[in-house]
Protein backbone atom coordinates (compact mmCIF):
# COMPACT_ATOMS: atom_id res chain seq x y z
CA MET A 1 7.47 -2.88 -7.69
CA GLN A 2 10.17 -1.98 -9.59
CA THR A 3 10.00 -0.84 -13.16
CA PHE A 4 12.65 -0.80 -15.94
CA ARG A 5 12.43 2.56 -17.97
CA GLU A 6 15.15 3.97 -19.95
CA GLY A 7 18.04 2.07 -18.44
CA CYS A 8 17.04 2.70 -14.86
CA LEU A 9 15.41 1.15 -11.83
CA HIS A 10 12.83 3.15 -10.17
CA THR A 11 9.78 2.27 -7.66
CA VAL A 12 7.04 2.88 -8.02
CA LYS A 13 4.97 5.24 -5.01
CA ARG A 14 1.33 6.23 -4.19
CA THR A 15 0.98 9.54 -1.92
CA GLY A 16 -1.97 10.39 -0.35
CA THR A 17 -4.56 10.78 2.36
CA LEU A 18 -4.85 8.03 4.79
CA LEU A 19 -8.93 7.39 5.18
CA ALA A 20 -8.71 3.79 7.31
CA LYS A 21 -6.41 1.67 8.99
CA GLU A 22 -6.53 -1.59 10.45
CA PRO A 23 -3.44 -2.54 12.14
CA GLY A 24 -2.34 -5.55 14.12
CA LEU A 25 -3.02 -8.22 11.25
CA ARG A 26 -0.87 -10.87 10.23
CA ALA A 27 -0.38 -12.81 6.92
CA PHE A 28 1.76 -15.72 5.53
CA ILE A 29 3.77 -13.87 2.23
CA GLY A 30 6.18 -16.33 0.87
CA GLY A 31 6.04 -19.09 3.63
CA GLU A 32 6.74 -16.38 6.50
CA GLU A 33 4.45 -14.73 8.57
CA HIS A 34 4.70 -11.10 8.23
CA PRO A 35 2.61 -8.48 10.15
CA TYR A 36 0.67 -5.77 8.09
CA VAL A 37 -1.98 -2.91 8.38
CA ARG A 38 -4.87 -2.80 5.98
CA CYS A 39 -5.40 1.04 4.99
CA ILE A 40 -7.23 2.78 2.13
CA ILE A 41 -5.78 5.65 0.79
CA ALA A 42 -7.49 8.78 -1.41
CA ASP A 43 -5.26 9.72 -4.27
CA LEU A 44 -3.42 12.91 -3.64
CA ASN A 45 -4.47 14.08 -7.17
CA ASP A 46 -7.70 12.87 -7.06
CA PRO A 47 -9.19 12.31 -3.80
CA THR A 48 -12.27 10.42 -5.05
CA ARG A 49 -9.96 7.55 -6.46
CA HIS A 50 -9.06 5.43 -3.74
CA PHE A 51 -6.53 2.65 -3.35
CA GLU A 52 -6.94 -0.69 -0.77
CA CYS A 53 -3.29 -1.38 0.57
CA ARG A 54 -1.54 -4.00 2.85
CA VAL A 55 1.68 -2.16 4.72
CA LEU A 56 3.64 -4.97 5.12
CA ASP A 57 6.18 -5.69 8.14
CA GLU A 58 4.50 -3.07 10.18
CA ASP A 59 1.84 -3.39 13.26
CA ASP A 60 0.72 0.17 13.26
CA LEU A 61 1.20 3.15 11.15
CA PRO A 62 2.47 6.53 12.62
CA VAL A 63 0.01 8.26 10.39
CA ALA A 64 -3.46 9.35 11.89
CA VAL A 65 -6.48 9.02 10.01
CA GLY A 66 -6.80 12.08 7.56
CA GLU A 67 -3.15 12.53 7.57
CA PRO A 68 -0.84 12.48 4.42
CA ILE A 69 0.88 9.23 3.61
CA THR A 70 3.35 7.95 1.27
CA LEU A 71 3.67 3.93 0.52
CA GLU A 72 5.95 2.44 -1.89
CA ILE A 73 4.54 -0.50 -4.03
CA VAL A 74 5.79 -3.77 -3.60
CA ARG A 75 3.28 -5.63 -5.67
CA ALA A 76 -0.07 -5.16 -7.35
CA ILE A 77 -2.82 -8.20 -6.91
CA THR A 78 -6.02 -8.31 -8.94
CA ASP A 79 -9.16 -9.94 -7.86
CA ARG A 80 -9.93 -11.83 -11.01
CA ARG A 81 -13.75 -11.90 -10.52
CA SER A 82 -14.22 -8.08 -9.00
CA GLY A 83 -11.33 -6.73 -11.07
CA GLN A 84 -10.31 -5.13 -8.10
CA VAL A 85 -6.65 -4.07 -7.77
CA ARG A 86 -5.08 -4.17 -3.96
CA PHE A 87 -1.69 -2.92 -3.51
CA ASP A 88 1.02 -4.49 -1.02
CA CYS A 89 3.40 -1.61 0.48
CA ARG A 90 6.19 -0.49 2.71
CA LEU A 91 6.20 3.24 4.36
CA VAL A 92 8.07 5.64 3.01
CA GLN A 93 9.37 7.55 6.20
């Protein structure tokens, strides 16, 4: 996700601890099939806050559960019924 603030374009990143991952998943996004890893991240500053993410274009993550991870947010998706927000991300290496 990119935002425009004060004349500059920047990306939004999330850093935290990888709590769980489910590799080897596939989804159609924009009419094309993409591999992704579903994961749950505990926020670095507030570990009680958890974020559900899809890490796009990855079959698996080179990060083990319990290790730190940084993701760049591509898109936020809100489930209108539950109010839950999920994120489509890319791995920052």
